[in-house]
Amino acid sequence: MYAIIEDSGSQLRAAVGDTLTVDLRELPEDAKSVTFDRVIMVSDADKDGASIGQPYVSGASVEADVVERDVKGKKIDVIKFKRRKGYRVKQGHRQRHMLVKVTKINAG
């Protein structure tokens, strides 16, 4: 069984036991789990197939435990350049993410 969820404008495939990298969000300090309620599709091998939402599957959700709160992503270099002007600027950026482990998929 797996689900396709939407998080911060991106779609992720989630199955029980998978570790996902999602955007960092504001959570209370004692929060141990996250619930994703924007489920686009749920596929179940035991039943007849997939449930596809319009745009989301009603009543479906994915629950995940927080593994690590603040993980830095790959470094991206932003380079600005204008020819013949002596203008060169280099700036680096590392996006902050959160690691979660999927524990349960509710088909709704």
PDB file of N, CA and C in Angstrom:
ATOM      1  N   MET A   1       0.847  -1.168   0.000  1.00  0.00           N
ATOM      2  CA  MET A   1       0.000   0.000   0.000  1.00  0.00           C
ATOM      3  C   MET A   1       0.894   1.233   0.000  1.00  0.00           C
ATOM      4  N   TYR A   2       0.558   2.185  -0.841  1.00  0.00           N
ATOM      5  CA  TYR A   2       1.295   3.445  -0.866  1.00  0.00           C
ATOM      6  C   TYR A   2       0.332   4.582  -1.166  1.00  0.00           C
ATOM      7  N   ALA A   3       0.806   5.789  -0.927  1.00  0.00           N
ATOM      8  CA  ALA A   3      -0.001   6.980  -1.159  1.00  0.00           C
ATOM      9  C   ALA A   3       0.864   8.057  -1.798  1.00  0.00           C
ATOM     10  N   ILE A   4       0.238   8.896  -2.585  1.00  0.00           N
ATOM     11  CA  ILE A   4       0.893  10.071  -3.148  1.00  0.00           C
ATOM     12  C   ILE A   4       0.361  11.270  -2.363  1.00  0.00           C
ATOM     13  N   ILE A   5       1.265  11.990  -1.694  1.00  0.00           N
ATOM     14  CA  ILE A   5       0.854  13.131  -0.878  1.00  0.00           C
ATOM     15  C   ILE A   5       1.430  14.412  -1.466  1.00  0.00           C
ATOM     16  N   GLU A   6       0.777  15.522  -1.130  1.00  0.00           N
ATOM     17  CA  GLU A   6       1.259  16.832  -1.544  1.00  0.00           C
ATOM     18  C   GLU A   6       1.764  17.564  -0.308  1.00  0.00           C
ATOM     19  N   ASP A   7       2.977  18.102  -0.416  1.00  0.00           N
ATOM     20  CA  ASP A   7       3.558  18.845   0.695  1.00  0.00           C
ATOM     21  C   ASP A   7       4.357  20.004   0.142  1.00  0.00           C
ATOM     22  N   SER A   8       3.937  21.210   0.459  1.00  0.00           N
ATOM     23  CA  SER A   8       4.624  22.441   0.056  1.00  0.00           C
ATOM     24  C   SER A   8       4.820  22.523  -1.454  1.00  0.00           C
ATOM     25  N   GLY A   9       3.800  22.133  -2.206  1.00  0.00           N
ATOM     26  CA  GLY A   9       3.857  22.256  -3.658  1.00  0.00           C
ATOM     27  C   GLY A   9       4.536  21.108  -4.374  1.00  0.00           C
ATOM     28  N   SER A  10       5.017  20.107  -3.663  1.00  0.00           N
ATOM     29  CA  SER A  10       5.647  18.958  -4.303  1.00  0.00           C
ATOM     30  C   SER A  10       4.888  17.688  -3.938  1.00  0.00           C
ATOM     31  N   GLN A  11       4.949  16.708  -4.831  1.00  0.00           N
ATOM     32  CA  GLN A  11       4.266  15.439  -4.612  1.00  0.00           C
ATOM     33  C   GLN A  11       5.290  14.380  -4.216  1.00  0.00           C
ATOM     34  N   LEU A  12       4.940  13.583  -3.196  1.00  0.00           N
ATOM     35  CA  LEU A  12       5.839  12.559  -2.681  1.00  0.00           C
ATOM     36  C   LEU A  12       5.116  11.219  -2.628  1.00  0.00           C
ATOM     37  N   ARG A  13       5.847  10.149  -2.930  1.00  0.00           N
ATOM     38  CA  ARG A  13       5.300   8.794  -2.809  1.00  0.00           C
ATOM     39  C   ARG A  13       5.665   8.287  -1.423  1.00  0.00           C
ATOM     40  N   ALA A  14       4.657   7.839  -0.671  1.00  0.00           N
ATOM     41  CA  ALA A  14       4.872   7.409   0.707  1.00  0.00           C
ATOM     42  C   ALA A  14       4.322   6.005   0.902  1.00  0.00           C
ATOM     43  N   ALA A  15       5.167   5.123   1.412  1.00  0.00           N
ATOM     44  CA  ALA A  15       4.754   3.782   1.811  1.00  0.00           C
ATOM     45  C   ALA A  15       5.160   3.614   3.272  1.00  0.00           C
ATOM     46  N   VAL A  16       4.521   2.664   3.959  1.00  0.00           N
ATOM     47  CA  VAL A  16       4.832   2.443   5.372  1.00  0.00           C
ATOM     48  C   VAL A  16       6.287   2.003   5.500  1.00  0.00           C
ATOM     49  N   GLY A  17       7.029   2.714   6.372  1.00  0.00           N
ATOM     50  CA  GLY A  17       8.438   2.412   6.580  1.00  0.00           C
ATOM     51  C   GLY A  17       9.381   3.300   5.794  1.00  0.00           C
ATOM     52  N   ASP A  18       8.863   4.085   4.847  1.00  0.00           N
ATOM     53  CA  ASP A  18       9.717   4.976   4.055  1.00  0.00           C
ATOM     54  C   ASP A  18      10.152   6.184   4.879  1.00  0.00           C
ATOM     55  N   THR A  19      11.341   6.680   4.599  1.00  0.00           N
ATOM     56  CA  THR A  19      11.832   7.911   5.194  1.00  0.00           C
ATOM     57  C   THR A  19      11.776   8.998   4.135  1.00  0.00           C
ATOM     58  N   LEU A  20      11.047  10.075   4.425  1.00  0.00           N
ATOM     59  CA  LEU A  20      10.842  11.157   3.466  1.00  0.00           C
ATOM     60  C   LEU A  20      11.524  12.430   3.942  1.00  0.00           C
ATOM     61  N   THR A  21      11.956  13.225   2.999  1.00  0.00           N
ATOM     62  CA  THR A  21      12.510  14.543   3.273  1.00  0.00           C
ATOM     63  C   THR A  21      11.460  15.569   2.882  1.00  0.00           C
ATOM     64  N   VAL A  22      10.910  16.273   3.867  1.00  0.00           N
ATOM     65  CA  VAL A  22       9.881  17.274   3.615  1.00  0.00           C
ATOM     66  C   VAL A  22      10.392  18.635   4.075  1.00  0.00           C
ATOM     67  N   ASP A  23       9.696  19.686   3.642  1.00  0.00           N
ATOM     68  CA  ASP A  23      10.092  21.029   4.049  1.00  0.00           C
ATOM     69  C   ASP A  23       9.929  21.210   5.547  1.00  0.00           C
ATOM     70  N   LEU A  24      10.810  21.997   6.124  1.00  0.00           N
ATOM     71  CA  LEU A  24      10.759  22.281   7.550  1.00  0.00           C
ATOM     72  C   LEU A  24       9.505  23.071   7.879  1.00  0.00           C
ATOM     73  N   ARG A  25       8.830  22.718   8.949  1.00  0.00           N
ATOM     74  CA  ARG A  25       7.603  23.401   9.351  1.00  0.00           C
ATOM     75  C   ARG A  25       7.643  23.704  10.833  1.00  0.00           C
ATOM     76  N   GLU A  26       6.810  24.636  11.228  1.00  0.00           N
ATOM     77  CA  GLU A  26       6.715  25.025  12.632  1.00  0.00           C
ATOM     78  C   GLU A  26       5.906  23.968  13.379  1.00  0.00           C
ATOM     79  N   LEU A  27       6.542  23.311  14.327  1.00  0.00           N
ATOM     80  CA  LEU A  27       5.893  22.306  15.166  1.00  0.00           C
ATOM     81  C   LEU A  27       6.225  22.613  16.619  1.00  0.00           C
ATOM     82  N   PRO A  28       5.363  22.225  17.541  1.00  0.00           N
ATOM     83  CA  PRO A  28       5.724  22.354  18.953  1.00  0.00           C
ATOM     84  C   PRO A  28       6.954  21.497  19.269  1.00  0.00           C
ATOM     85  N   GLU A  29       7.688  21.884  20.300  1.00  0.00           N
ATOM     86  CA  GLU A  29       8.923  21.173  20.655  1.00  0.00           C
ATOM     87  C   GLU A  29       8.688  19.714  21.023  1.00  0.00           C
ATOM     88  N   ASP A  30       7.522  19.408  21.614  1.00  0.00           N
ATOM     89  CA  ASP A  30       7.262  18.042  22.059  1.00  0.00           C
ATOM     90  C   ASP A  30       6.540  17.197  21.005  1.00  0.00           C
ATOM     91  N   ALA A  31       6.322  17.719  19.802  1.00  0.00           N
ATOM     92  CA  ALA A  31       5.620  16.977  18.740  1.00  0.00           C
ATOM     93  C   ALA A  31       6.514  15.856  18.218  1.00  0.00           C
ATOM     94  N   LYS A  32       5.979  14.652  18.218  1.00  0.00           N
ATOM     95  CA  LYS A  32       6.726  13.488  17.750  1.00  0.00           C
ATOM     96  C   LYS A  32       6.235  12.983  16.399  1.00  0.00           C
ATOM     97  N   SER A  33       5.063  13.453  15.955  1.00  0.00           N
ATOM     98  CA  SER A  33       4.513  12.953  14.694  1.00  0.00           C
ATOM     99  C   SER A  33       3.899  14.093  13.887  1.00  0.00           C
ATOM    100  N   VAL A  34       3.723  13.814  12.588  1.00  0.00           N
ATOM    101  CA  VAL A  34       3.146  14.762  11.644  1.00  0.00           C
ATOM    102  C   VAL A  34       2.074  14.027  10.859  1.00  0.00           C
ATOM    103  N   THR A  35       0.965  14.705  10.563  1.00  0.00           N
ATOM    104  CA  THR A  35      -0.100  14.122   9.758  1.00  0.00           C
ATOM    105  C   THR A  35      -0.233  14.907   8.461  1.00  0.00           C
ATOM    106  N   PHE A  36      -0.175  14.201   7.341  1.00  0.00           N
ATOM    107  CA  PHE A  36      -0.368  14.807   6.027  1.00  0.00           C
ATOM    108  C   PHE A  36      -1.786  14.478   5.580  1.00  0.00           C
ATOM    109  N   ASP A  37      -2.615  15.505   5.383  1.00  0.00           N
ATOM    110  CA  ASP A  37      -4.010  15.257   5.013  1.00  0.00           C
ATOM    111  C   ASP A  37      -4.293  15.543   3.542  1.00  0.00           C
ATOM    112  N   ARG A  38      -3.339  16.092   2.822  1.00  0.00           N
ATOM    113  CA  ARG A  38      -3.528  16.335   1.388  1.00  0.00           C
ATOM    114  C   ARG A  38      -3.011  15.125   0.610  1.00  0.00           C
ATOM    115  N   VAL A  39      -3.859  14.098   0.519  1.00  0.00           N
ATOM    116  CA  VAL A  39      -3.510  12.846  -0.155  1.00  0.00           C
ATOM    117  C   VAL A  39      -4.135  12.863  -1.537  1.00  0.00           C
ATOM    118  N   ILE A  40      -3.316  12.750  -2.569  1.00  0.00           N
ATOM    119  CA  ILE A  40      -3.789  12.807  -3.944  1.00  0.00           C
ATOM    120  C   ILE A  40      -4.278  11.439  -4.413  1.00  0.00           C
ATOM    121  N   MET A  41      -3.563  10.373  -4.013  1.00  0.00           N
ATOM    122  CA  MET A  41      -3.928   9.028  -4.453  1.00  0.00           C
ATOM    123  C   MET A  41      -3.530   8.009  -3.397  1.00  0.00           C
ATOM    124  N   VAL A  42      -4.363   6.980  -3.236  1.00  0.00           N
ATOM    125  CA  VAL A  42      -4.052   5.856  -2.355  1.00  0.00           C
ATOM    126  C   VAL A  42      -4.180   4.585  -3.176  1.00  0.00           C
ATOM    127  N   SER A  43      -3.132   3.773  -3.198  1.00  0.00           N
ATOM    128  CA  SER A  43      -3.142   2.519  -3.932  1.00  0.00           C
ATOM    129  C   SER A  43      -3.061   1.376  -2.943  1.00  0.00           C
ATOM    130  N   ASP A  44      -3.968   0.411  -3.076  1.00  0.00           N
ATOM    131  CA  ASP A  44      -4.000  -0.737  -2.180  1.00  0.00           C
ATOM    132  C   ASP A  44      -3.941  -2.004  -3.019  1.00  0.00           C
ATOM    133  N   ALA A  45      -2.924  -2.820  -2.820  1.00  0.00           N
ATOM    134  CA  ALA A  45      -2.763  -4.050  -3.586  1.00  0.00           C
ATOM    135  C   ALA A  45      -3.782  -5.105  -3.174  1.00  0.00           C
ATOM    136  N   ASP A  46      -4.258  -5.064  -1.909  1.00  0.00           N
ATOM    137  CA  ASP A  46      -5.214  -6.061  -1.441  1.00  0.00           C
ATOM    138  C   ASP A  46      -6.600  -5.843  -2.029  1.00  0.00           C
ATOM    139  N   LYS A  47      -6.970  -4.588  -2.228  1.00  0.00           N
ATOM    140  CA  LYS A  47      -8.302  -4.274  -2.731  1.00  0.00           C
ATOM    141  C   LYS A  47      -8.271  -4.124  -4.241  1.00  0.00           C
ATOM    142  N   ASP A  48      -9.270  -3.459  -4.795  1.00  0.00           N
ATOM    143  CA  ASP A  48      -9.438  -3.394  -6.241  1.00  0.00           C
ATOM    144  C   ASP A  48      -8.444  -2.495  -6.967  1.00  0.00           C
ATOM    145  N   GLY A  49      -7.709  -1.639  -6.291  1.00  0.00           N
ATOM    146  CA  GLY A  49      -6.755  -0.789  -7.008  1.00  0.00           C
ATOM    147  C   GLY A  49      -6.514   0.520  -6.292  1.00  0.00           C
ATOM    148  N   ALA A  50      -6.652   1.610  -7.043  1.00  0.00           N
ATOM    149  CA  ALA A  50      -6.282   2.916  -6.518  1.00  0.00           C
ATOM    150  C   ALA A  50      -7.504   3.806  -6.340  1.00  0.00           C
ATOM    151  N   SER A  51      -7.425   4.685  -5.350  1.00  0.00           N
ATOM    152  CA  SER A  51      -8.425   5.729  -5.149  1.00  0.00           C
ATOM    153  C   SER A  51      -7.765   7.049  -5.500  1.00  0.00           C
ATOM    154  N   ILE A  52      -8.319   7.733  -6.486  1.00  0.00           N
ATOM    155  CA  ILE A  52      -7.749   8.988  -6.952  1.00  0.00           C
ATOM    156  C   ILE A  52      -8.683  10.109  -6.549  1.00  0.00           C
ATOM    157  N   GLY A  53      -8.128  11.154  -5.961  1.00  0.00           N
ATOM    158  CA  GLY A  53      -8.925  12.255  -5.445  1.00  0.00           C
ATOM    159  C   GLY A  53      -9.229  13.308  -6.485  1.00  0.00           C
ATOM    160  N   GLN A  54     -10.197  14.156  -6.143  1.00  0.00           N
ATOM    161  CA  GLN A  54     -10.606  15.257  -7.007  1.00  0.00           C
ATOM    162  C   GLN A  54     -10.621  16.551  -6.226  1.00  0.00           C
ATOM    163  N   PRO A  55      -9.592  17.226  -5.844  1.00  0.00           N
ATOM    164  CA  PRO A  55      -8.184  16.932  -6.064  1.00  0.00           C
ATOM    165  C   PRO A  55      -7.578  16.032  -4.988  1.00  0.00           C
ATOM    166  N   TYR A  56      -8.246  15.905  -3.821  1.00  0.00           N
ATOM    167  CA  TYR A  56      -7.696  15.073  -2.750  1.00  0.00           C
ATOM    168  C   TYR A  56      -8.675  13.959  -2.402  1.00  0.00           C
ATOM    169  N   VAL A  57      -8.148  12.847  -1.878  1.00  0.00           N
ATOM    170  CA  VAL A  57      -8.978  11.733  -1.441  1.00  0.00           C
ATOM    171  C   VAL A  57      -9.595  12.121  -0.099  1.00  0.00           C
ATOM    172  N   SER A  58     -10.934  12.074  -0.026  1.00  0.00           N
ATOM    173  CA  SER A  58     -11.609  12.500   1.200  1.00  0.00           C
ATOM    174  C   SER A  58     -11.405  11.475   2.312  1.00  0.00           C
ATOM    175  N   GLY A  59     -11.032  11.964   3.473  1.00  0.00           N
ATOM    176  CA  GLY A  59     -10.839  11.114   4.640  1.00  0.00           C
ATOM    177  C   GLY A  59      -9.511  10.392   4.697  1.00  0.00           C
ATOM    178  N   ALA A  60      -8.675  10.539   3.699  1.00  0.00           N
ATOM    179  CA  ALA A  60      -7.380   9.855   3.688  1.00  0.00           C
ATOM    180  C   ALA A  60      -6.318  10.729   4.347  1.00  0.00           C
ATOM    181  N   SER A  61      -5.377  10.078   5.019  1.00  0.00           N
ATOM    182  CA  SER A  61      -4.274  10.795   5.645  1.00  0.00           C
ATOM    183  C   SER A  61      -3.076   9.860   5.778  1.00  0.00           C
ATOM    184  N   VAL A  62      -1.916  10.472   5.956  1.00  0.00           N
ATOM    185  CA  VAL A  62      -0.677   9.724   6.149  1.00  0.00           C
ATOM    186  C   VAL A  62      -0.042  10.236   7.433  1.00  0.00           C
ATOM    187  N   GLU A  63       0.267   9.317   8.343  1.00  0.00           N
ATOM    188  CA  GLU A  63       0.891   9.683   9.612  1.00  0.00           C
ATOM    189  C   GLU A  63       2.361   9.293   9.569  1.00  0.00           C
ATOM    190  N   ALA A  64       3.209  10.181  10.114  1.00  0.00           N
ATOM    191  CA  ALA A  64       4.648   9.945  10.094  1.00  0.00           C
ATOM    192  C   ALA A  64       5.270  10.432  11.396  1.00  0.00           C
ATOM    193  N   ASP A  65       6.315   9.737  11.834  1.00  0.00           N
ATOM    194  CA  ASP A  65       7.077  10.141  13.010  1.00  0.00           C
ATOM    195  C   ASP A  65       8.245  11.017  12.579  1.00  0.00           C
ATOM    196  N   VAL A  66       8.559  12.006  13.391  1.00  0.00           N
ATOM    197  CA  VAL A  66       9.677  12.901  13.108  1.00  0.00           C
ATOM    198  C   VAL A  66      10.976  12.196  13.494  1.00  0.00           C
ATOM    199  N   VAL A  67      11.866  12.020  12.529  1.00  0.00           N
ATOM    200  CA  VAL A  67      13.158  11.387  12.778  1.00  0.00           C
ATOM    201  C   VAL A  67      14.176  12.458  13.166  1.00  0.00           C
ATOM    202  N   GLU A  68      14.244  13.505  12.355  1.00  0.00           N
ATOM    203  CA  GLU A  68      15.185  14.593  12.618  1.00  0.00           C
ATOM    204  C   GLU A  68      14.537  15.892  12.158  1.00  0.00           C
ATOM    205  N   ARG A  69      14.606  16.914  13.012  1.00  0.00           N
ATOM    206  CA  ARG A  69      13.896  18.163  12.743  1.00  0.00           C
ATOM    207  C   ARG A  69      14.573  19.065  11.734  1.00  0.00           C
ATOM    208  N   ASP A  70      15.847  19.285  11.865  1.00  0.00           N
ATOM    209  CA  ASP A  70      16.518  20.284  11.046  1.00  0.00           C
ATOM    210  C   ASP A  70      17.694  19.658  10.315  1.00  0.00           C
ATOM    211  N   VAL A  71      17.490  19.358   9.036  1.00  0.00           N
ATOM    212  CA  VAL A  71      18.519  18.767   8.195  1.00  0.00           C
ATOM    213  C   VAL A  71      18.794  19.748   7.064  1.00  0.00           C
ATOM    214  N   LYS A  72      20.064  20.010   6.808  1.00  0.00           N
ATOM    215  CA  LYS A  72      20.401  20.914   5.715  1.00  0.00           C
ATOM    216  C   LYS A  72      20.521  20.125   4.422  1.00  0.00           C
ATOM    217  N   GLY A  73      20.001  20.693   3.344  1.00  0.00           N
ATOM    218  CA  GLY A  73      20.049  20.057   2.042  1.00  0.00           C
ATOM    219  C   GLY A  73      21.357  20.328   1.323  1.00  0.00           C
ATOM    220  N   LYS A  74      21.392  19.951   0.074  1.00  0.00           N
ATOM    221  CA  LYS A  74      22.566  20.136  -0.758  1.00  0.00           C
ATOM    222  C   LYS A  74      22.816  21.624  -0.989  1.00  0.00           C
ATOM    223  N   LYS A  75      24.082  22.030  -1.028  1.00  0.00           N
ATOM    224  CA  LYS A  75      24.416  23.429  -1.215  1.00  0.00           C
ATOM    225  C   LYS A  75      24.208  23.836  -2.671  1.00  0.00           C
ATOM    226  N   ILE A  76      23.575  24.986  -2.850  1.00  0.00           N
ATOM    227  CA  ILE A  76      23.321  25.548  -4.167  1.00  0.00           C
ATOM    228  C   ILE A  76      24.094  26.855  -4.271  1.00  0.00           C
ATOM    229  N   ASP A  77      24.852  27.031  -5.345  1.00  0.00           N
ATOM    230  CA  ASP A  77      25.581  28.271  -5.573  1.00  0.00           C
ATOM    231  C   ASP A  77      24.761  29.163  -6.498  1.00  0.00           C
ATOM    232  N   VAL A  78      24.544  30.405  -6.080  1.00  0.00           N
ATOM    233  CA  VAL A  78      23.851  31.402  -6.889  1.00  0.00           C
ATOM    234  C   VAL A  78      24.917  32.365  -7.384  1.00  0.00           C
ATOM    235  N   ILE A  79      25.093  32.420  -8.707  1.00  0.00           N
ATOM    236  CA  ILE A  79      26.134  33.256  -9.300  1.00  0.00           C
ATOM    237  C   ILE A  79      25.486  34.295 -10.197  1.00  0.00           C
ATOM    238  N   LYS A  80      25.838  35.568  -9.965  1.00  0.00           N
ATOM    239  CA  LYS A  80      25.369  36.661 -10.811  1.00  0.00           C
ATOM    240  C   LYS A  80      26.577  37.243 -11.527  1.00  0.00           C
ATOM    241  N   PHE A  81      26.411  37.566 -12.799  1.00  0.00           N
ATOM    242  CA  PHE A  81      27.527  38.021 -13.609  1.00  0.00           C
ATOM    243  C   PHE A  81      27.025  38.940 -14.701  1.00  0.00           C
ATOM    244  N   LYS A  82      27.718  40.060 -14.883  1.00  0.00           N
ATOM    245  CA  LYS A  82      27.429  40.955 -16.008  1.00  0.00           C
ATOM    246  C   LYS A  82      28.724  41.167 -16.775  1.00  0.00           C
ATOM    247  N   ARG A  83      28.682  40.913 -18.044  1.00  0.00           N
ATOM    248  CA  ARG A  83      29.904  40.994 -18.837  1.00  0.00           C
ATOM    249  C   ARG A  83      30.382  42.442 -19.003  1.00  0.00           C
ATOM    250  N   ARG A  84      31.664  42.590 -19.055  1.00  0.00           N
ATOM    251  CA  ARG A  84      32.357  43.863 -19.283  1.00  0.00           C
ATOM    252  C   ARG A  84      32.088  44.920 -18.221  1.00  0.00           C
ATOM    253  N   LYS A  85      31.532  44.587 -17.093  1.00  0.00           N
ATOM    254  CA  LYS A  85      31.222  45.564 -16.049  1.00  0.00           C
ATOM    255  C   LYS A  85      32.010  45.311 -14.757  1.00  0.00           C
ATOM    256  N   GLY A  86      32.695  44.205 -14.679  1.00  0.00           N
ATOM    257  CA  GLY A  86      33.417  43.874 -13.456  1.00  0.00           C
ATOM    258  C   GLY A  86      32.494  43.455 -12.325  1.00  0.00           C
ATOM    259  N   TYR A  87      31.293  42.984 -12.656  1.00  0.00           N
ATOM    260  CA  TYR A  87      30.287  42.617 -11.657  1.00  0.00           C
ATOM    261  C   TYR A  87      30.209  41.107 -11.555  1.00  0.00           C
ATOM    262  N   ARG A  88      30.624  40.577 -10.409  1.00  0.00           N
ATOM    263  CA  ARG A  88      30.537  39.144 -10.137  1.00  0.00           C
ATOM    264  C   ARG A  88      30.142  38.966  -8.681  1.00  0.00           C
ATOM    265  N   VAL A  89      29.079  38.213  -8.436  1.00  0.00           N
ATOM    266  CA  VAL A  89      28.610  37.948  -7.082  1.00  0.00           C
ATOM    267  C   VAL A  89      28.352  36.450  -6.962  1.00  0.00           C
ATOM    268  N   LYS A  90      28.875  35.839  -5.898  1.00  0.00           N
ATOM    269  CA  LYS A  90      28.618  34.425  -5.640  1.00  0.00           C
ATOM    270  C   LYS A  90      28.019  34.302  -4.246  1.00  0.00           C
ATOM    271  N   GLN A  91      26.931  33.575  -4.165  1.00  0.00           N
ATOM    272  CA  GLN A  91      26.238  33.396  -2.892  1.00  0.00           C
ATOM    273  C   GLN A  91      25.811  31.940  -2.790  1.00  0.00           C
ATOM    274  N   GLY A  92      25.930  31.362  -1.608  1.00  0.00           N
ATOM    275  CA  GLY A  92      25.527  29.979  -1.390  1.00  0.00           C
ATOM    276  C   GLY A  92      24.246  29.898  -0.573  1.00  0.00           C
ATOM    277  N   HIS A  93      23.522  28.779  -0.739  1.00  0.00           N
ATOM    278  CA  HIS A  93      22.279  28.578   0.001  1.00  0.00           C
ATOM    279  C   HIS A  93      22.110  27.096   0.285  1.00  0.00           C
ATOM    280  N   ARG A  94      21.661  26.779   1.515  1.00  0.00           N
ATOM    281  CA  ARG A  94      21.316  25.402   1.877  1.00  0.00           C
ATOM    282  C   ARG A  94      19.922  25.406   2.474  1.00  0.00           C
ATOM    283  N   GLN A  95      18.991  24.725   1.817  1.00  0.00           N
ATOM    284  CA  GLN A  95      17.610  24.652   2.272  1.00  0.00           C
ATOM    285  C   GLN A  95      17.505  23.757   3.501  1.00  0.00           C
ATOM    286  N   ARG A  96      16.646  24.128   4.422  1.00  0.00           N
ATOM    287  CA  ARG A  96      16.435  23.327   5.632  1.00  0.00           C
ATOM    288  C   ARG A  96      15.246  22.390   5.423  1.00  0.00           C
ATOM    289  N   HIS A  97      15.428  21.138   5.812  1.00  0.00           N
ATOM    290  CA  HIS A  97      14.409  20.105   5.643  1.00  0.00           C
ATOM    291  C   HIS A  97      14.144  19.394   6.968  1.00  0.00           C
ATOM    292  N   MET A  98      13.178  18.474   6.932  1.00  0.00           N
ATOM    293  CA  MET A  98      12.848  17.651   8.081  1.00  0.00           C
ATOM    294  C   MET A  98      12.716  16.205   7.592  1.00  0.00           C
ATOM    295  N   LEU A  99      13.293  15.257   8.323  1.00  0.00           N
ATOM    296  CA  LEU A  99      13.181  13.842   7.989  1.00  0.00           C
ATOM    297  C   LEU A  99      12.035  13.226   8.777  1.00  0.00           C
ATOM    298  N   VAL A 100      11.136  12.531   8.079  1.00  0.00           N
ATOM    299  CA  VAL A 100      10.022  11.842   8.729  1.00  0.00           C
ATOM    300  C   VAL A 100       9.973  10.403   8.237  1.00  0.00           C
ATOM    301  N   LYS A 101       9.489   9.513   9.099  1.00  0.00           N
ATOM    302  CA  LYS A 101       9.322   8.103   8.748  1.00  0.00           C
ATOM    303  C   LYS A 101       7.835   7.782   8.771  1.00  0.00           C
ATOM    304  N   VAL A 102       7.314   7.266   7.663  1.00  0.00           N
ATOM    305  CA  VAL A 102       5.884   6.979   7.526  1.00  0.00           C
ATOM    306  C   VAL A 102       5.528   5.763   8.378  1.00  0.00           C
ATOM    307  N   THR A 103       4.488   5.930   9.218  1.00  0.00           N
ATOM    308  CA  THR A 103       4.075   4.845  10.106  1.00  0.00           C
ATOM    309  C   THR A 103       2.719   4.259   9.734  1.00  0.00           C
ATOM    310  N   LYS A 104       1.828   5.086   9.171  1.00  0.00           N
ATOM    311  CA  LYS A 104       0.471   4.600   8.918  1.00  0.00           C
ATOM    312  C   LYS A 104      -0.140   5.346   7.742  1.00  0.00           C
ATOM    313  N   ILE A 105      -0.896   4.618   6.910  1.00  0.00           N
ATOM    314  CA  ILE A 105      -1.645   5.222   5.818  1.00  0.00           C
ATOM    315  C   ILE A 105      -3.116   4.909   6.045  1.00  0.00           C
ATOM    316  N   ASN A 106      -3.916   5.959   6.219  1.00  0.00           N
ATOM    317  CA  ASN A 106      -5.368   5.808   6.382  1.00  0.00           C
ATOM    318  C   ASN A 106      -6.027   6.064   5.052  1.00  0.00           C
ATOM    319  N   ALA A 107      -6.691   5.039   4.506  1.00  0.00           N
ATOM    320  CA  ALA A 107      -7.275   5.149   3.166  1.00  0.00           C
ATOM    321  C   ALA A 107      -8.575   5.943   3.164  1.00  0.00           C
ATOM    322  N   GLY A 108      -9.203   6.102   4.280  1.00  0.00           N
ATOM    323  CA  GLY A 108     -10.406   6.920   4.366  1.00  0.00           C
ATOM    324  C   GLY A 108     -11.619   6.217   4.031  1.00  0.00           C
TER     325      GLY A 108
END
